[in-house]
Amino acid sequence: MSEDEFYRWLGQYLKELRKSCRLTQSEICNNFHLSRSSLSNIETGRHHLSVYTLYELLTVLDESFVNLVESMLSQHREQKL
C-alpha cells in the first residue's frame, strides 16, 4: 500500500466510522478543533493528519487505535492475495 493509498483508506475508514455513529462532519467538528473542510479532506485522503489528530478523532468517534490497526492489517493482507 502506498502512502497515498493509505491516506485514502484511512479517510474512508474514518468516514464510515463517523457515519456508523450517525454523526455529520459538522457535529464532529463541533467537538473537535478542526474545520469541516479539513475533515472532508481527511476523509477523502487529501489531508495527511498527525497521529495526535488521529487519536483525537478516534476518541470523538469512540474507536480504539487497536481496531484501526487491525482493520488496516486486514486490508493489507487482502491486497496481497
N, C-alpha and C. Protein backbone atom coordinates (compact mmCIF):
# COMPACT_ATOMS: atom_id res chain seq x y z
N MET A 1 0.87 -1.17 0.00
CA MET A 1 0.00 0.00 0.00
C MET A 1 0.91 1.23 0.00
N SER A 2 0.69 2.10 -0.94
CA SER A 2 1.47 3.34 -0.99
C SER A 2 0.97 4.32 0.06
N GLU A 3 1.72 5.39 0.28
CA GLU A 3 1.30 6.39 1.26
C GLU A 3 -0.03 7.03 0.86
N ASP A 4 -0.19 7.36 -0.42
CA ASP A 4 -1.45 7.95 -0.87
C ASP A 4 -2.61 6.98 -0.69
N GLU A 5 -2.39 5.71 -1.01
CA GLU A 5 -3.43 4.70 -0.82
C GLU A 5 -3.79 4.56 0.66
N PHE A 6 -2.77 4.61 1.51
CA PHE A 6 -3.02 4.52 2.95
C PHE A 6 -3.92 5.65 3.42
N TYR A 7 -3.62 6.88 3.03
CA TYR A 7 -4.43 8.02 3.50
C TYR A 7 -5.84 7.98 2.91
N ARG A 8 -6.00 7.47 1.69
CA ARG A 8 -7.35 7.30 1.14
C ARG A 8 -8.10 6.24 1.94
N TRP A 9 -7.41 5.12 2.26
CA TRP A 9 -8.04 4.07 3.05
C TRP A 9 -8.42 4.61 4.44
N LEU A 10 -7.49 5.31 5.08
CA LEU A 10 -7.74 5.85 6.42
C LEU A 10 -8.92 6.82 6.40
N GLY A 11 -8.97 7.69 5.40
CA GLY A 11 -10.08 8.64 5.28
C GLY A 11 -11.41 7.93 5.13
N GLN A 12 -11.43 6.88 4.30
CA GLN A 12 -12.66 6.12 4.10
C GLN A 12 -13.06 5.41 5.39
N TYR A 13 -12.08 4.88 6.11
CA TYR A 13 -12.34 4.21 7.40
C TYR A 13 -12.98 5.19 8.37
N LEU A 14 -12.40 6.38 8.48
CA LEU A 14 -12.93 7.39 9.41
C LEU A 14 -14.33 7.85 8.98
N LYS A 15 -14.53 8.00 7.69
CA LYS A 15 -15.84 8.42 7.19
C LYS A 15 -16.91 7.37 7.51
N GLU A 16 -16.60 6.10 7.25
CA GLU A 16 -17.55 5.03 7.55
C GLU A 16 -17.82 4.94 9.05
N LEU A 17 -16.79 5.14 9.85
CA LEU A 17 -16.95 5.13 11.30
C LEU A 17 -17.85 6.28 11.75
N ARG A 18 -17.60 7.46 11.20
CA ARG A 18 -18.44 8.63 11.53
C ARG A 18 -19.89 8.37 11.17
N LYS A 19 -20.12 7.82 9.98
CA LYS A 19 -21.48 7.56 9.54
C LYS A 19 -22.14 6.48 10.40
N SER A 20 -21.37 5.47 10.82
CA SER A 20 -21.95 4.43 11.67
C SER A 20 -22.34 4.99 13.03
N CYS A 21 -21.68 6.07 13.44
CA CYS A 21 -22.03 6.76 14.69
C CYS A 21 -23.16 7.76 14.46
N ARG A 22 -23.61 7.87 13.22
CA ARG A 22 -24.68 8.79 12.81
C ARG A 22 -24.35 10.24 13.16
N LEU A 23 -23.11 10.61 12.83
CA LEU A 23 -22.64 11.97 13.07
C LEU A 23 -22.31 12.64 11.75
N THR A 24 -22.60 13.91 11.67
CA THR A 24 -22.22 14.69 10.50
C THR A 24 -20.80 15.23 10.69
N GLN A 25 -20.23 15.69 9.60
CA GLN A 25 -18.91 16.32 9.71
C GLN A 25 -18.99 17.52 10.65
N SER A 26 -20.04 18.29 10.54
CA SER A 26 -20.19 19.46 11.41
C SER A 26 -20.27 19.08 12.88
N GLU A 27 -20.99 18.02 13.18
CA GLU A 27 -21.09 17.58 14.57
C GLU A 27 -19.73 17.15 15.12
N ILE A 28 -18.96 16.44 14.30
CA ILE A 28 -17.61 16.05 14.72
C ILE A 28 -16.78 17.30 14.99
N CYS A 29 -16.84 18.26 14.09
CA CYS A 29 -16.01 19.46 14.21
C CYS A 29 -16.43 20.34 15.38
N ASN A 30 -17.67 20.26 15.81
CA ASN A 30 -18.10 20.99 17.00
C ASN A 30 -17.44 20.47 18.26
N ASN A 31 -17.08 19.18 18.27
CA ASN A 31 -16.45 18.55 19.43
C ASN A 31 -14.93 18.45 19.28
N PHE A 32 -14.42 18.96 18.20
CA PHE A 32 -13.03 18.73 17.85
C PHE A 32 -12.53 20.01 17.17
N HIS A 33 -11.33 20.40 17.46
CA HIS A 33 -10.79 21.65 16.91
C HIS A 33 -10.28 21.44 15.49
N LEU A 34 -11.25 21.33 14.56
CA LEU A 34 -10.95 21.06 13.16
C LEU A 34 -12.06 21.66 12.32
N SER A 35 -11.71 22.25 11.18
CA SER A 35 -12.75 22.80 10.31
C SER A 35 -13.42 21.67 9.54
N ARG A 36 -14.63 21.90 9.12
CA ARG A 36 -15.36 20.89 8.36
C ARG A 36 -14.64 20.58 7.05
N SER A 37 -14.07 21.60 6.42
CA SER A 37 -13.35 21.35 5.16
C SER A 37 -12.10 20.50 5.40
N SER A 38 -11.44 20.69 6.54
CA SER A 38 -10.28 19.84 6.86
C SER A 38 -10.71 18.39 7.07
N LEU A 39 -11.82 18.20 7.77
CA LEU A 39 -12.32 16.85 7.98
C LEU A 39 -12.70 16.21 6.65
N SER A 40 -13.31 16.98 5.78
CA SER A 40 -13.66 16.48 4.45
C SER A 40 -12.40 16.05 3.70
N ASN A 41 -11.36 16.85 3.79
CA ASN A 41 -10.10 16.50 3.13
C ASN A 41 -9.45 15.26 3.74
N ILE A 42 -9.58 15.08 5.04
CA ILE A 42 -9.08 13.87 5.69
C ILE A 42 -9.84 12.66 5.18
N GLU A 43 -11.16 12.79 5.10
CA GLU A 43 -12.00 11.66 4.69
C GLU A 43 -11.79 11.27 3.23
N THR A 44 -11.29 12.18 2.42
CA THR A 44 -11.01 11.84 1.02
C THR A 44 -9.54 11.49 0.79
N GLY A 45 -8.74 11.57 1.84
CA GLY A 45 -7.33 11.22 1.73
C GLY A 45 -6.43 12.32 1.22
N ARG A 46 -6.97 13.52 1.07
CA ARG A 46 -6.17 14.64 0.58
C ARG A 46 -5.36 15.32 1.67
N HIS A 47 -5.73 15.09 2.92
CA HIS A 47 -5.03 15.71 4.05
C HIS A 47 -4.36 14.62 4.88
N HIS A 48 -3.08 14.74 5.08
CA HIS A 48 -2.34 13.77 5.90
C HIS A 48 -2.34 14.27 7.33
N LEU A 49 -3.03 13.55 8.19
CA LEU A 49 -3.19 14.00 9.55
C LEU A 49 -2.09 13.46 10.46
N SER A 50 -1.86 14.17 11.54
CA SER A 50 -0.86 13.74 12.53
C SER A 50 -1.44 12.60 13.37
N VAL A 51 -0.57 11.89 14.03
CA VAL A 51 -1.01 10.81 14.92
C VAL A 51 -1.89 11.38 16.03
N TYR A 52 -1.54 12.57 16.52
CA TYR A 52 -2.35 13.17 17.58
C TYR A 52 -3.75 13.50 17.08
N THR A 53 -3.86 14.04 15.87
CA THR A 53 -5.16 14.35 15.29
C THR A 53 -5.96 13.06 15.10
N LEU A 54 -5.29 12.01 14.66
CA LEU A 54 -5.94 10.71 14.53
C LEU A 54 -6.46 10.24 15.89
N TYR A 55 -5.63 10.35 16.89
CA TYR A 55 -6.02 9.97 18.26
C TYR A 55 -7.28 10.75 18.70
N GLU A 56 -7.28 12.06 18.46
CA GLU A 56 -8.44 12.86 18.86
C GLU A 56 -9.70 12.44 18.10
N LEU A 57 -9.57 12.21 16.79
CA LEU A 57 -10.72 11.77 16.01
C LEU A 57 -11.24 10.42 16.51
N LEU A 58 -10.34 9.50 16.75
CA LEU A 58 -10.77 8.19 17.24
C LEU A 58 -11.45 8.31 18.60
N THR A 59 -10.99 9.22 19.42
CA THR A 59 -11.62 9.46 20.73
C THR A 59 -13.04 9.98 20.55
N VAL A 60 -13.21 10.96 19.68
CA VAL A 60 -14.54 11.52 19.43
C VAL A 60 -15.47 10.45 18.85
N LEU A 61 -14.91 9.56 18.01
CA LEU A 61 -15.71 8.53 17.37
C LEU A 61 -15.81 7.26 18.22
N ASP A 62 -15.22 7.28 19.40
CA ASP A 62 -15.25 6.15 20.34
C ASP A 62 -14.74 4.87 19.69
N GLU A 63 -13.61 4.98 19.00
CA GLU A 63 -12.97 3.85 18.32
C GLU A 63 -11.58 3.66 18.90
N SER A 64 -11.16 2.43 19.01
CA SER A 64 -9.82 2.17 19.55
C SER A 64 -8.79 2.18 18.42
N PHE A 65 -7.59 2.56 18.78
CA PHE A 65 -6.48 2.54 17.83
C PHE A 65 -6.21 1.10 17.40
N VAL A 66 -6.40 0.17 18.30
CA VAL A 66 -6.18 -1.26 18.00
C VAL A 66 -7.11 -1.70 16.88
N ASN A 67 -8.38 -1.33 16.94
CA ASN A 67 -9.33 -1.69 15.88
C ASN A 67 -8.90 -1.11 14.54
N LEU A 68 -8.43 0.12 14.55
CA LEU A 68 -7.96 0.75 13.32
C LEU A 68 -6.79 -0.02 12.74
N VAL A 69 -5.81 -0.35 13.55
CA VAL A 69 -4.63 -1.06 13.07
C VAL A 69 -5.00 -2.46 12.58
N GLU A 70 -5.87 -3.15 13.30
CA GLU A 70 -6.31 -4.48 12.86
C GLU A 70 -7.01 -4.41 11.51
N SER A 71 -7.84 -3.40 11.31
CA SER A 71 -8.52 -3.23 10.04
C SER A 71 -7.52 -2.93 8.92
N MET A 72 -6.53 -2.10 9.22
CA MET A 72 -5.51 -1.76 8.24
C MET A 72 -4.72 -3.01 7.85
N LEU A 73 -4.33 -3.82 8.83
CA LEU A 73 -3.58 -5.03 8.52
C LEU A 73 -4.41 -6.02 7.72
N SER A 74 -5.68 -6.11 8.03
CA SER A 74 -6.58 -6.96 7.27
C SER A 74 -6.66 -6.50 5.81
N GLN A 75 -6.77 -5.21 5.62
CA GLN A 75 -6.80 -4.64 4.27
C GLN A 75 -5.50 -4.97 3.54
N HIS A 76 -4.39 -4.84 4.22
CA HIS A 76 -3.08 -5.12 3.62
C HIS A 76 -2.98 -6.59 3.19
N ARG A 77 -3.46 -7.49 4.05
CA ARG A 77 -3.42 -8.92 3.71
C ARG A 77 -4.29 -9.22 2.50
N GLU A 78 -5.46 -8.59 2.41
CA GLU A 78 -6.35 -8.80 1.29
C GLU A 78 -5.72 -8.36 -0.02
N GLN A 79 -4.98 -7.27 0.01
CA GLN A 79 -4.33 -6.77 -1.19
C GLN A 79 -3.23 -7.71 -1.67
N LYS A 80 -2.61 -8.42 -0.75
CA LYS A 80 -1.53 -9.33 -1.11
C LYS A 80 -2.03 -10.62 -1.73
N LEU A 81 -3.31 -10.97 -1.51
CA LEU A 81 -3.87 -12.22 -2.05
C LEU A 81 -4.11 -12.14 -3.53
